[in-house]
Amino acid sequence: LSISRDEYPDKPMVLRGIRSQTAPSQQYQPVLMMSKSYTVHWNGPAPRETVLSLINFDQGDWALLGFCYPNETVFQITSDIYNKQNNGFDGIEDYGPVSSISDLEKRQQERKYFFDKSAG
């Protein structure tokens, strides 16, 4: 996959997964700057499931991530917190859709997402 900071779209970082190419899933470990926006492009079909593990964030930190998916995609976006002490998940919540990126930006503290069907 490639990931580019939106202020430098013509300078993407190309990532190779850390698992073998024949593995049923892949894992990537990019390092992102806080308070920036990024776009992720797949080098093949978009995966059916994507898991993001965000670490070393402080309260109030943010990063805006855009993932390219076919425009007919139907989403279910869920967040949780992995609790290492009991090897379980806490705070499982579904995200709800909003109708525009500006609506998403206004509701930063809510579990929301925006999908631009015209752009994918």
PDB file of N, CA and C in Angstrom:
ATOM      1  N   LEU A   1       0.845  -1.170   0.000  1.00  0.00           N
ATOM      2  CA  LEU A   1       0.000   0.000   0.000  1.00  0.00           C
ATOM      3  C   LEU A   1       0.880   1.218   0.000  1.00  0.00           C
ATOM      4  N   SER A   2       0.295   2.341  -0.318  1.00  0.00           N
ATOM      5  CA  SER A   2       1.025   3.602  -0.215  1.00  0.00           C
ATOM      6  C   SER A   2       0.206   4.540   0.660  1.00  0.00           C
ATOM      7  N   ILE A   3       0.899   5.381   1.386  1.00  0.00           N
ATOM      8  CA  ILE A   3       0.257   6.362   2.243  1.00  0.00           C
ATOM      9  C   ILE A   3       0.947   7.696   1.994  1.00  0.00           C
ATOM     10  N   SER A   4       0.140   8.722   1.811  1.00  0.00           N
ATOM     11  CA  SER A   4       0.734  10.039   1.577  1.00  0.00           C
ATOM     12  C   SER A   4       0.091  11.065   2.495  1.00  0.00           C
ATOM     13  N   ARG A   5       0.921  11.955   2.998  1.00  0.00           N
ATOM     14  CA  ARG A   5       0.391  13.072   3.757  1.00  0.00           C
ATOM     15  C   ARG A   5      -0.303  13.983   2.759  1.00  0.00           C
ATOM     16  N   ASP A   6      -1.496  14.428   3.068  1.00  0.00           N
ATOM     17  CA  ASP A   6      -2.302  15.156   2.090  1.00  0.00           C
ATOM     18  C   ASP A   6      -1.661  16.451   1.614  1.00  0.00           C
ATOM     19  N   GLU A   7      -0.759  17.025   2.397  1.00  0.00           N
ATOM     20  CA  GLU A   7      -0.085  18.234   1.926  1.00  0.00           C
ATOM     21  C   GLU A   7       1.044  17.914   0.940  1.00  0.00           C
ATOM     22  N   TYR A   8       1.413  16.632   0.811  1.00  0.00           N
ATOM     23  CA  TYR A   8       2.435  16.191  -0.147  1.00  0.00           C
ATOM     24  C   TYR A   8       1.921  14.982  -0.932  1.00  0.00           C
ATOM     25  N   PRO A   9       0.832  15.116  -1.693  1.00  0.00           N
ATOM     26  CA  PRO A   9       0.231  13.948  -2.337  1.00  0.00           C
ATOM     27  C   PRO A   9       1.119  13.274  -3.379  1.00  0.00           C
ATOM     28  N   ASP A  10       2.079  13.999  -3.937  1.00  0.00           N
ATOM     29  CA  ASP A  10       2.943  13.409  -4.963  1.00  0.00           C
ATOM     30  C   ASP A  10       4.206  12.780  -4.374  1.00  0.00           C
ATOM     31  N   LYS A  11       4.266  12.636  -3.046  1.00  0.00           N
ATOM     32  CA  LYS A  11       5.414  12.005  -2.388  1.00  0.00           C
ATOM     33  C   LYS A  11       4.935  10.904  -1.432  1.00  0.00           C
ATOM     34  N   PRO A  12       4.288   9.854  -1.980  1.00  0.00           N
ATOM     35  CA  PRO A  12       3.770   8.795  -1.107  1.00  0.00           C
ATOM     36  C   PRO A  12       4.884   7.931  -0.523  1.00  0.00           C
ATOM     37  N   MET A  13       4.591   7.364   0.629  1.00  0.00           N
ATOM     38  CA  MET A  13       5.470   6.373   1.237  1.00  0.00           C
ATOM     39  C   MET A  13       4.882   5.011   0.870  1.00  0.00           C
ATOM     40  N   VAL A  14       5.673   4.177   0.187  1.00  0.00           N
ATOM     41  CA  VAL A  14       5.216   2.856  -0.223  1.00  0.00           C
ATOM     42  C   VAL A  14       5.637   1.864   0.852  1.00  0.00           C
ATOM     43  N   LEU A  15       4.666   1.102   1.355  1.00  0.00           N
ATOM     44  CA  LEU A  15       4.927   0.151   2.423  1.00  0.00           C
ATOM     45  C   LEU A  15       4.733  -1.273   1.928  1.00  0.00           C
ATOM     46  N   ARG A  16       5.620  -2.135   2.341  1.00  0.00           N
ATOM     47  CA  ARG A  16       5.472  -3.570   2.082  1.00  0.00           C
ATOM     48  C   ARG A  16       5.071  -4.210   3.409  1.00  0.00           C
ATOM     49  N   GLY A  17       4.144  -5.134   3.342  1.00  0.00           N
ATOM     50  CA  GLY A  17       3.697  -5.806   4.561  1.00  0.00           C
ATOM     51  C   GLY A  17       4.815  -6.605   5.202  1.00  0.00           C
ATOM     52  N   ILE A  18       4.707  -6.792   6.523  1.00  0.00           N
ATOM     53  CA  ILE A  18       5.760  -7.510   7.239  1.00  0.00           C
ATOM     54  C   ILE A  18       5.537  -9.021   7.223  1.00  0.00           C
ATOM     55  N   ARG A  19       4.393  -9.474   6.732  1.00  0.00           N
ATOM     56  CA  ARG A  19       4.124 -10.908   6.607  1.00  0.00           C
ATOM     57  C   ARG A  19       4.437 -11.356   5.188  1.00  0.00           C
ATOM     58  N   SER A  20       4.548 -12.675   4.985  1.00  0.00           N
ATOM     59  CA  SER A  20       4.831 -13.177   3.643  1.00  0.00           C
ATOM     60  C   SER A  20       3.706 -12.787   2.696  1.00  0.00           C
ATOM     61  N   GLN A  21       4.021 -12.699   1.438  1.00  0.00           N
ATOM     62  CA  GLN A  21       3.046 -12.270   0.434  1.00  0.00           C
ATOM     63  C   GLN A  21       1.896 -13.264   0.278  1.00  0.00           C
ATOM     64  N   THR A  22       2.079 -14.512   0.742  1.00  0.00           N
ATOM     65  CA  THR A  22       1.010 -15.508   0.638  1.00  0.00           C
ATOM     66  C   THR A  22       0.159 -15.573   1.907  1.00  0.00           C
ATOM     67  N   ALA A  23       0.448 -14.749   2.906  1.00  0.00           N
ATOM     68  CA  ALA A  23      -0.331 -14.742   4.153  1.00  0.00           C
ATOM     69  C   ALA A  23      -1.758 -14.271   3.857  1.00  0.00           C
ATOM     70  N   PRO A  24      -2.746 -14.772   4.624  1.00  0.00           N
ATOM     71  CA  PRO A  24      -4.138 -14.367   4.373  1.00  0.00           C
ATOM     72  C   PRO A  24      -4.426 -12.905   4.733  1.00  0.00           C
ATOM     73  N   SER A  25      -3.591 -12.305   5.545  1.00  0.00           N
ATOM     74  CA  SER A  25      -3.742 -10.887   5.865  1.00  0.00           C
ATOM     75  C   SER A  25      -2.357 -10.262   5.924  1.00  0.00           C
ATOM     76  N   GLN A  26      -2.311  -8.968   5.956  1.00  0.00           N
ATOM     77  CA  GLN A  26      -1.032  -8.266   5.931  1.00  0.00           C
ATOM     78  C   GLN A  26      -0.995  -7.240   7.047  1.00  0.00           C
ATOM     79  N   GLN A  27       0.201  -6.871   7.452  1.00  0.00           N
ATOM     80  CA  GLN A  27       0.372  -5.899   8.525  1.00  0.00           C
ATOM     81  C   GLN A  27       1.394  -4.856   8.081  1.00  0.00           C
ATOM     82  N   TYR A  28       1.031  -3.580   8.276  1.00  0.00           N
ATOM     83  CA  TYR A  28       1.891  -2.465   7.932  1.00  0.00           C
ATOM     84  C   TYR A  28       2.077  -1.617   9.177  1.00  0.00           C
ATOM     85  N   GLN A  29       3.215  -0.962   9.298  1.00  0.00           N
ATOM     86  CA  GLN A  29       3.489  -0.179  10.494  1.00  0.00           C
ATOM     87  C   GLN A  29       4.037   1.209  10.157  1.00  0.00           C
ATOM     88  N   PRO A  30       3.200   2.064   9.562  1.00  0.00           N
ATOM     89  CA  PRO A  30       3.679   3.422   9.280  1.00  0.00           C
ATOM     90  C   PRO A  30       3.704   4.259  10.554  1.00  0.00           C
ATOM     91  N   VAL A  31       4.571   5.236  10.559  1.00  0.00           N
ATOM     92  CA  VAL A  31       4.619   6.210  11.645  1.00  0.00           C
ATOM     93  C   VAL A  31       4.038   7.510  11.099  1.00  0.00           C
ATOM     94  N   LEU A  32       3.031   8.047  11.780  1.00  0.00           N
ATOM     95  CA  LEU A  32       2.341   9.249  11.326  1.00  0.00           C
ATOM     96  C   LEU A  32       2.603  10.404  12.277  1.00  0.00           C
ATOM     97  N   MET A  33       2.548  11.609  11.741  1.00  0.00           N
ATOM     98  CA  MET A  33       2.626  12.810  12.571  1.00  0.00           C
ATOM     99  C   MET A  33       1.225  13.176  13.033  1.00  0.00           C
ATOM    100  N   MET A  34       1.105  13.633  14.247  1.00  0.00           N
ATOM    101  CA  MET A  34      -0.188  14.064  14.765  1.00  0.00           C
ATOM    102  C   MET A  34      -0.621  15.349  14.072  1.00  0.00           C
ATOM    103  N   SER A  35      -1.913  15.589  14.079  1.00  0.00           N
ATOM    104  CA  SER A  35      -2.523  16.809  13.530  1.00  0.00           C
ATOM    105  C   SER A  35      -2.275  16.955  12.027  1.00  0.00           C
ATOM    106  N   LYS A  36      -2.198  15.841  11.320  1.00  0.00           N
ATOM    107  CA  LYS A  36      -2.017  15.832   9.864  1.00  0.00           C
ATOM    108  C   LYS A  36      -3.050  14.900   9.249  1.00  0.00           C
ATOM    109  N   SER A  37      -3.282  15.045   7.962  1.00  0.00           N
ATOM    110  CA  SER A  37      -4.206  14.151   7.266  1.00  0.00           C
ATOM    111  C   SER A  37      -3.438  13.331   6.229  1.00  0.00           C
ATOM    112  N   TYR A  38      -3.914  12.108   6.031  1.00  0.00           N
ATOM    113  CA  TYR A  38      -3.248  11.141   5.166  1.00  0.00           C
ATOM    114  C   TYR A  38      -4.270  10.417   4.305  1.00  0.00           C
ATOM    115  N   THR A  39      -3.816   9.929   3.146  1.00  0.00           N
ATOM    116  CA  THR A  39      -4.646   9.103   2.286  1.00  0.00           C
ATOM    117  C   THR A  39      -3.911   7.795   2.025  1.00  0.00           C
ATOM    118  N   VAL A  40      -4.635   6.687   2.157  1.00  0.00           N
ATOM    119  CA  VAL A  40      -4.091   5.350   1.949  1.00  0.00           C
ATOM    120  C   VAL A  40      -4.645   4.804   0.636  1.00  0.00           C
ATOM    121  N   HIS A  41      -3.737   4.306  -0.219  1.00  0.00           N
ATOM    122  CA  HIS A  41      -4.106   3.676  -1.491  1.00  0.00           C
ATOM    123  C   HIS A  41      -3.599   2.237  -1.456  1.00  0.00           C
ATOM    124  N   TRP A  42      -4.437   1.311  -1.853  1.00  0.00           N
ATOM    125  CA  TRP A  42      -4.045  -0.102  -1.908  1.00  0.00           C
ATOM    126  C   TRP A  42      -3.400  -0.377  -3.258  1.00  0.00           C
ATOM    127  N   ASN A  43      -2.449  -1.310  -3.308  1.00  0.00           N
ATOM    128  CA  ASN A  43      -1.806  -1.657  -4.588  1.00  0.00           C
ATOM    129  C   ASN A  43      -2.547  -2.783  -5.299  1.00  0.00           C
ATOM    130  N   GLY A  44      -3.707  -3.126  -4.810  1.00  0.00           N
ATOM    131  CA  GLY A  44      -4.571  -4.145  -5.401  1.00  0.00           C
ATOM    132  C   GLY A  44      -5.973  -3.903  -4.884  1.00  0.00           C
ATOM    133  N   PRO A  45      -6.801  -4.934  -4.865  1.00  0.00           N
ATOM    134  CA  PRO A  45      -8.152  -4.753  -4.329  1.00  0.00           C
ATOM    135  C   PRO A  45      -8.109  -4.317  -2.859  1.00  0.00           C
ATOM    136  N   ALA A  46      -9.029  -3.448  -2.483  1.00  0.00           N
ATOM    137  CA  ALA A  46      -9.112  -3.004  -1.084  1.00  0.00           C
ATOM    138  C   ALA A  46      -9.486  -4.198  -0.214  1.00  0.00           C
ATOM    139  N   PRO A  47      -8.857  -4.328   0.953  1.00  0.00           N
ATOM    140  CA  PRO A  47      -9.177  -5.472   1.817  1.00  0.00           C
ATOM    141  C   PRO A  47     -10.594  -5.378   2.378  1.00  0.00           C
ATOM    142  N   ARG A  48     -11.177  -6.535   2.645  1.00  0.00           N
ATOM    143  CA  ARG A  48     -12.528  -6.592   3.213  1.00  0.00           C
ATOM    144  C   ARG A  48     -12.542  -6.042   4.629  1.00  0.00           C
ATOM    145  N   GLU A  49     -11.467  -6.257   5.369  1.00  0.00           N
ATOM    146  CA  GLU A  49     -11.380  -5.789   6.753  1.00  0.00           C
ATOM    147  C   GLU A  49     -10.051  -5.078   6.962  1.00  0.00           C
ATOM    148  N   THR A  50     -10.092  -3.952   7.647  1.00  0.00           N
ATOM    149  CA  THR A  50      -8.885  -3.187   7.987  1.00  0.00           C
ATOM    150  C   THR A  50      -8.908  -2.928   9.480  1.00  0.00           C
ATOM    151  N   VAL A  51      -7.806  -3.210  10.146  1.00  0.00           N
ATOM    152  CA  VAL A  51      -7.686  -2.976  11.584  1.00  0.00           C
ATOM    153  C   VAL A  51      -6.608  -1.928  11.793  1.00  0.00           C
ATOM    154  N   LEU A  52      -6.929  -0.867  12.514  1.00  0.00           N
ATOM    155  CA  LEU A  52      -5.955   0.170  12.845  1.00  0.00           C
ATOM    156  C   LEU A  52      -5.632   0.057  14.322  1.00  0.00           C
ATOM    157  N   SER A  53      -4.364   0.041  14.649  1.00  0.00           N
ATOM    158  CA  SER A  53      -3.926   0.042  16.042  1.00  0.00           C
ATOM    159  C   SER A  53      -3.168   1.337  16.272  1.00  0.00           C
ATOM    160  N   LEU A  54      -3.803   2.248  16.963  1.00  0.00           N
ATOM    161  CA  LEU A  54      -3.205   3.555  17.212  1.00  0.00           C
ATOM    162  C   LEU A  54      -2.538   3.539  18.573  1.00  0.00           C
ATOM    163  N   ILE A  55      -1.249   3.866  18.602  1.00  0.00           N
ATOM    164  CA  ILE A  55      -0.504   3.841  19.863  1.00  0.00           C
ATOM    165  C   ILE A  55       0.211   5.177  20.058  1.00  0.00           C
ATOM    166  N   ASN A  56       0.546   5.450  21.294  1.00  0.00           N
ATOM    167  CA  ASN A  56       1.282   6.661  21.677  1.00  0.00           C
ATOM    168  C   ASN A  56       0.527   7.944  21.344  1.00  0.00           C
ATOM    169  N   PHE A  57      -0.775   7.918  21.491  1.00  0.00           N
ATOM    170  CA  PHE A  57      -1.610   9.106  21.341  1.00  0.00           C
ATOM    171  C   PHE A  57      -1.893   9.655  22.730  1.00  0.00           C
ATOM    172  N   ASP A  58      -1.939  10.960  22.835  1.00  0.00           N
ATOM    173  CA  ASP A  58      -2.388  11.613  24.061  1.00  0.00           C
ATOM    174  C   ASP A  58      -3.799  12.120  23.822  1.00  0.00           C
ATOM    175  N   GLN A  59      -4.536  12.352  24.901  1.00  0.00           N
ATOM    176  CA  GLN A  59      -5.883  12.881  24.768  1.00  0.00           C
ATOM    177  C   GLN A  59      -5.835  14.194  23.984  1.00  0.00           C
ATOM    178  N   GLY A  60      -6.700  14.320  22.998  1.00  0.00           N
ATOM    179  CA  GLY A  60      -6.731  15.516  22.157  1.00  0.00           C
ATOM    180  C   GLY A  60      -5.901  15.391  20.887  1.00  0.00           C
ATOM    181  N   ASP A  61      -5.015  14.401  20.787  1.00  0.00           N
ATOM    182  CA  ASP A  61      -4.250  14.178  19.557  1.00  0.00           C
ATOM    183  C   ASP A  61      -5.186  13.661  18.466  1.00  0.00           C
ATOM    184  N   TRP A  62      -4.849  13.953  17.219  1.00  0.00           N
ATOM    185  CA  TRP A  62      -5.658  13.449  16.126  1.00  0.00           C
ATOM    186  C   TRP A  62      -4.823  13.265  14.873  1.00  0.00           C
ATOM    187  N   ALA A  63      -5.304  12.422  14.011  1.00  0.00           N
ATOM    188  CA  ALA A  63      -4.804  12.251  12.646  1.00  0.00           C
ATOM    189  C   ALA A  63      -6.026  11.896  11.813  1.00  0.00           C
ATOM    190  N   LEU A  64      -6.147  12.474  10.630  1.00  0.00           N
ATOM    191  CA  LEU A  64      -7.272  12.201   9.737  1.00  0.00           C
ATOM    192  C   LEU A  64      -6.782  11.246   8.659  1.00  0.00           C
ATOM    193  N   LEU A  65      -7.431  10.084   8.545  1.00  0.00           N
ATOM    194  CA  LEU A  65      -7.020   9.059   7.596  1.00  0.00           C
ATOM    195  C   LEU A  65      -8.114   8.832   6.570  1.00  0.00           C
ATOM    196  N   GLY A  66      -7.744   8.856   5.306  1.00  0.00           N
ATOM    197  CA  GLY A  66      -8.662   8.539   4.218  1.00  0.00           C
ATOM    198  C   GLY A  66      -8.229   7.237   3.577  1.00  0.00           C
ATOM    199  N   PHE A  67      -9.167   6.306   3.417  1.00  0.00           N
ATOM    200  CA  PHE A  67      -8.891   5.014   2.790  1.00  0.00           C
ATOM    201  C   PHE A  67      -9.680   4.930   1.494  1.00  0.00           C
ATOM    202  N   CYS A  68      -9.026   4.513   0.424  1.00  0.00           N
ATOM    203  CA  CYS A  68      -9.676   4.424  -0.879  1.00  0.00           C
ATOM    204  C   CYS A  68     -10.360   3.066  -1.016  1.00  0.00           C
ATOM    205  N   TYR A  69     -11.682   3.103  -1.204  1.00  0.00           N
ATOM    206  CA  TYR A  69     -12.499   1.903  -1.373  1.00  0.00           C
ATOM    207  C   TYR A  69     -13.442   2.123  -2.553  1.00  0.00           C
ATOM    208  N   PRO A  70     -13.875   1.030  -3.195  1.00  0.00           N
ATOM    209  CA  PRO A  70     -14.832   1.179  -4.293  1.00  0.00           C
ATOM    210  C   PRO A  70     -16.081   1.913  -3.817  1.00  0.00           C
ATOM    211  N   ASN A  71     -16.682   2.703  -4.724  1.00  0.00           N
ATOM    212  CA  ASN A  71     -17.782   3.568  -4.298  1.00  0.00           C
ATOM    213  C   ASN A  71     -19.050   2.818  -3.915  1.00  0.00           C
ATOM    214  N   GLU A  72     -19.146   1.520  -4.179  1.00  0.00           N
ATOM    215  CA  GLU A  72     -20.326   0.765  -3.753  1.00  0.00           C
ATOM    216  C   GLU A  72     -20.116   0.076  -2.396  1.00  0.00           C
ATOM    217  N   THR A  73     -19.008   0.347  -1.730  1.00  0.00           N
ATOM    218  CA  THR A  73     -18.689  -0.297  -0.458  1.00  0.00           C
ATOM    219  C   THR A  73     -19.693   0.087   0.627  1.00  0.00           C
ATOM    220  N   VAL A  74     -20.074  -0.905   1.422  1.00  0.00           N
ATOM    221  CA  VAL A  74     -20.913  -0.690   2.603  1.00  0.00           C
ATOM    222  C   VAL A  74     -20.003  -0.905   3.817  1.00  0.00           C
ATOM    223  N   PHE A  75     -20.032   0.045   4.749  1.00  0.00           N
ATOM    224  CA  PHE A  75     -19.105   0.013   5.867  1.00  0.00           C
ATOM    225  C   PHE A  75     -19.756  -0.366   7.183  1.00  0.00           C
ATOM    226  N   GLN A  76     -18.968  -1.034   8.014  1.00  0.00           N
ATOM    227  CA  GLN A  76     -19.243  -1.137   9.439  1.00  0.00           C
ATOM    228  C   GLN A  76     -17.925  -0.783  10.106  1.00  0.00           C
ATOM    229  N   ILE A  77     -17.917   0.324  10.822  1.00  0.00           N
ATOM    230  CA  ILE A  77     -16.702   0.795  11.472  1.00  0.00           C
ATOM    231  C   ILE A  77     -16.918   0.733  12.976  1.00  0.00           C
ATOM    232  N   THR A  78     -16.010   0.050  13.656  1.00  0.00           N
ATOM    233  CA  THR A  78     -16.126  -0.187  15.090  1.00  0.00           C
ATOM    234  C   THR A  78     -14.829   0.219  15.768  1.00  0.00           C
ATOM    235  N   SER A  79     -14.942   0.777  16.957  1.00  0.00           N
ATOM    236  CA  SER A  79     -13.737   1.078  17.738  1.00  0.00           C
ATOM    237  C   SER A  79     -13.783   0.292  19.033  1.00  0.00           C
ATOM    238  N   ASP A  80     -12.616  -0.007  19.548  1.00  0.00           N
ATOM    239  CA  ASP A  80     -12.511  -0.660  20.836  1.00  0.00           C
ATOM    240  C   ASP A  80     -11.158  -0.332  21.440  1.00  0.00           C
ATOM    241  N   ILE A  81     -11.001  -0.691  22.669  1.00  0.00           N
ATOM    242  CA  ILE A  81      -9.733  -0.520  23.375  1.00  0.00           C
ATOM    243  C   ILE A  81      -9.303  -1.899  23.842  1.00  0.00           C
ATOM    244  N   TYR A  82      -8.107  -2.311  23.423  1.00  0.00           N
ATOM    245  CA  TYR A  82      -7.587  -3.616  23.837  1.00  0.00           C
ATOM    246  C   TYR A  82      -6.983  -3.487  25.224  1.00  0.00           C
ATOM    247  N   ASN A  83      -7.442  -4.301  26.129  1.00  0.00           N
ATOM    248  CA  ASN A  83      -6.953  -4.311  27.506  1.00  0.00           C
ATOM    249  C   ASN A  83      -5.982  -5.479  27.661  1.00  0.00           C
ATOM    250  N   LYS A  84      -4.688  -5.167  27.734  1.00  0.00           N
ATOM    251  CA  LYS A  84      -3.669  -6.217  27.819  1.00  0.00           C
ATOM    252  C   LYS A  84      -3.755  -7.003  29.122  1.00  0.00           C
ATOM    253  N   GLN A  85      -4.224  -6.375  30.193  1.00  0.00           N
ATOM    254  CA  GLN A  85      -4.258  -7.050  31.491  1.00  0.00           C
ATOM    255  C   GLN A  85      -5.249  -8.211  31.509  1.00  0.00           C
ATOM    256  N   ASN A  86      -6.414  -8.037  30.885  1.00  0.00           N
ATOM    257  CA  ASN A  86      -7.382  -9.143  30.883  1.00  0.00           C
ATOM    258  C   ASN A  86      -7.530  -9.785  29.506  1.00  0.00           C
ATOM    259  N   ASN A  87      -6.682  -9.388  28.573  1.00  0.00           N
ATOM    260  CA  ASN A  87      -6.671  -9.943  27.219  1.00  0.00           C
ATOM    261  C   ASN A  87      -8.058  -9.869  26.576  1.00  0.00           C
ATOM    262  N   GLY A  88      -8.691  -8.705  26.717  1.00  0.00           N
ATOM    263  CA  GLY A  88     -10.026  -8.510  26.144  1.00  0.00           C
ATOM    264  C   GLY A  88     -10.185  -7.110  25.596  1.00  0.00           C
ATOM    265  N   PHE A  89     -11.381  -6.838  25.111  1.00  0.00           N
ATOM    266  CA  PHE A  89     -11.677  -5.544  24.508  1.00  0.00           C
ATOM    267  C   PHE A  89     -12.697  -4.795  25.354  1.00  0.00           C
ATOM    268  N   ASP A  90     -12.465  -3.505  25.541  1.00  0.00           N
ATOM    269  CA  ASP A  90     -13.361  -2.635  26.301  1.00  0.00           C
ATOM    270  C   ASP A  90     -13.883  -1.541  25.382  1.00  0.00           C
ATOM    271  N   GLY A  91     -14.989  -0.935  25.762  1.00  0.00           N
ATOM    272  CA  GLY A  91     -15.498   0.254  25.061  1.00  0.00           C
ATOM    273  C   GLY A  91     -15.802   0.037  23.604  1.00  0.00           C
ATOM    274  N   ILE A  92     -16.380  -1.098  23.246  1.00  0.00           N
ATOM    275  CA  ILE A  92     -16.685  -1.380  21.844  1.00  0.00           C
ATOM    276  C   ILE A  92     -17.852  -0.501  21.404  1.00  0.00           C
ATOM    277  N   GLU A  93     -17.621   0.286  20.345  1.00  0.00           N
ATOM    278  CA  GLU A  93     -18.635   1.210  19.831  1.00  0.00           C
ATOM    279  C   GLU A  93     -18.612   1.218  18.306  1.00  0.00           C
ATOM    280  N   ASP A  94     -19.793   1.307  17.699  1.00  0.00           N
ATOM    281  CA  ASP A  94     -19.894   1.466  16.248  1.00  0.00           C
ATOM    282  C   ASP A  94     -19.824   2.942  15.885  1.00  0.00           C
ATOM    283  N   TYR A  95     -19.204   3.234  14.766  1.00  0.00           N
ATOM    284  CA  TYR A  95     -19.177   4.589  14.205  1.00  0.00           C
ATOM    285  C   TYR A  95     -20.413   4.763  13.330  1.00  0.00           C
ATOM    286  N   GLY A  96     -20.934   5.988  13.253  1.00  0.00           N
ATOM    287  CA  GLY A  96     -22.064   6.297  12.382  1.00  0.00           C
ATOM    288  C   GLY A  96     -21.618   7.202  11.252  1.00  0.00           C
ATOM    289  N   PRO A  97     -22.303   7.147  10.118  1.00  0.00           N
ATOM    290  CA  PRO A  97     -21.922   7.977   8.972  1.00  0.00           C
ATOM    291  C   PRO A  97     -22.385   9.424   9.139  1.00  0.00           C
ATOM    292  N   VAL A  98     -21.653  10.331   8.516  1.00  0.00           N
ATOM    293  CA  VAL A  98     -22.071  11.726   8.359  1.00  0.00           C
ATOM    294  C   VAL A  98     -22.067  12.029   6.868  1.00  0.00           C
ATOM    295  N   SER A  99     -22.691  13.125   6.472  1.00  0.00           N
ATOM    296  CA  SER A  99     -22.914  13.388   5.049  1.00  0.00           C
ATOM    297  C   SER A  99     -21.824  14.204   4.362  1.00  0.00           C
ATOM    298  N   SER A 100     -20.850  14.743   5.141  1.00  0.00           N
ATOM    299  CA  SER A 100     -19.798  15.541   4.502  1.00  0.00           C
ATOM    300  C   SER A 100     -18.554  15.563   5.374  1.00  0.00           C
ATOM    301  N   ILE A 101     -17.435  15.883   4.760  1.00  0.00           N
ATOM    302  CA  ILE A 101     -16.186  16.001   5.515  1.00  0.00           C
ATOM    303  C   ILE A 101     -16.271  17.160   6.502  1.00  0.00           C
ATOM    304  N   SER A 102     -16.969  18.229   6.143  1.00  0.00           N
ATOM    305  CA  SER A 102     -17.106  19.360   7.074  1.00  0.00           C
ATOM    306  C   SER A 102     -17.934  18.957   8.295  1.00  0.00           C
ATOM    307  N   ASP A 103     -18.949  18.109   8.092  1.00  0.00           N
ATOM    308  CA  ASP A 103     -19.732  17.599   9.222  1.00  0.00           C
ATOM    309  C   ASP A 103     -18.847  16.729  10.118  1.00  0.00           C
ATOM    310  N   LEU A 104     -17.994  15.938   9.513  1.00  0.00           N
ATOM    311  CA  LEU A 104     -17.068  15.107  10.289  1.00  0.00           C
ATOM    312  C   LEU A 104     -16.132  15.984  11.117  1.00  0.00           C
ATOM    313  N   GLU A 105     -15.592  17.027  10.512  1.00  0.00           N
ATOM    314  CA  GLU A 105     -14.672  17.921  11.225  1.00  0.00           C
ATOM    315  C   GLU A 105     -15.349  18.635  12.390  1.00  0.00           C
ATOM    316  N   LYS A 106     -16.648  18.894  12.275  1.00  0.00           N
ATOM    317  CA  LYS A 106     -17.393  19.541  13.360  1.00  0.00           C
ATOM    318  C   LYS A 106     -17.674  18.588  14.517  1.00  0.00           C
ATOM    319  N   ARG A 107     -17.587  17.299  14.271  1.00  0.00           N
ATOM    320  CA  ARG A 107     -17.982  16.300  15.271  1.00  0.00           C
ATOM    321  C   ARG A 107     -16.803  15.409  15.652  1.00  0.00           C
ATOM    322  N   GLN A 108     -15.653  16.019  15.863  1.00  0.00           N
ATOM    323  CA  GLN A 108     -14.419  15.272  16.096  1.00  0.00           C
ATOM    324  C   GLN A 108     -14.448  14.383  17.325  1.00  0.00           C
ATOM    325  N   GLN A 109     -15.206  14.713  18.332  1.00  0.00           N
ATOM    326  CA  GLN A 109     -15.232  13.927  19.555  1.00  0.00           C
ATOM    327  C   GLN A 109     -16.251  12.780  19.492  1.00  0.00           C
ATOM    328  N   GLU A 110     -16.949  12.668  18.378  1.00  0.00           N
ATOM    329  CA  GLU A 110     -17.958  11.623  18.216  1.00  0.00           C
ATOM    330  C   GLU A 110     -17.405  10.504  17.339  1.00  0.00           C
ATOM    331  N   ARG A 111     -17.974   9.346  17.453  1.00  0.00           N
ATOM    332  CA  ARG A 111     -17.584   8.189  16.648  1.00  0.00           C
ATOM    333  C   ARG A 111     -18.303   8.270  15.302  1.00  0.00           C
ATOM    334  N   LYS A 112     -17.714   9.003  14.365  1.00  0.00           N
ATOM    335  CA  LYS A 112     -18.323   9.240  13.052  1.00  0.00           C
ATOM    336  C   LYS A 112     -17.310   8.987  11.947  1.00  0.00           C
ATOM    337  N   TYR A 113     -17.815   8.726  10.758  1.00  0.00           N
ATOM    338  CA  TYR A 113     -16.982   8.616   9.575  1.00  0.00           C
ATOM    339  C   TYR A 113     -17.711   9.226   8.387  1.00  0.00           C
ATOM    340  N   PHE A 114     -16.939   9.558   7.360  1.00  0.00           N
ATOM    341  CA  PHE A 114     -17.495  10.088   6.116  1.00  0.00           C
ATOM    342  C   PHE A 114     -16.954   9.261   4.956  1.00  0.00           C
ATOM    343  N   PHE A 115     -17.827   8.861   4.044  1.00  0.00           N
ATOM    344  CA  PHE A 115     -17.416   8.168   2.839  1.00  0.00           C
ATOM    345  C   PHE A 115     -17.938   8.936   1.638  1.00  0.00           C
ATOM    346  N   ASP A 116     -17.026   9.406   0.801  1.00  0.00           N
ATOM    347  CA  ASP A 116     -17.365  10.139  -0.404  1.00  0.00           C
ATOM    348  C   ASP A 116     -17.589   9.131  -1.529  1.00  0.00           C
ATOM    349  N   LYS A 117     -18.844   8.766  -1.767  1.00  0.00           N
ATOM    350  CA  LYS A 117     -19.169   7.742  -2.768  1.00  0.00           C
ATOM    351  C   LYS A 117     -18.730   8.144  -4.173  1.00  0.00           C
ATOM    352  N   SER A 118     -18.702   9.429  -4.468  1.00  0.00           N
ATOM    353  CA  SER A 118     -18.302   9.837  -5.809  1.00  0.00           C
ATOM    354  C   SER A 118     -16.801   9.648  -6.041  1.00  0.00           C
ATOM    355  N   ALA A 119     -16.013   9.760  -4.987  1.00  0.00           N
ATOM    356  CA  ALA A 119     -14.549   9.622  -5.110  1.00  0.00           C
ATOM    357  C   ALA A 119     -14.049   8.248  -4.681  1.00  0.00           C
ATOM    358  N   GLY A 120     -14.810   7.545  -3.845  1.00  0.00           N
ATOM    359  CA  GLY A 120     -14.370   6.263  -3.313  1.00  0.00           C
ATOM    360  C   GLY A 120     -13.386   6.453  -2.191  1.00  0.00           C
TER     361      GLY A 120
END
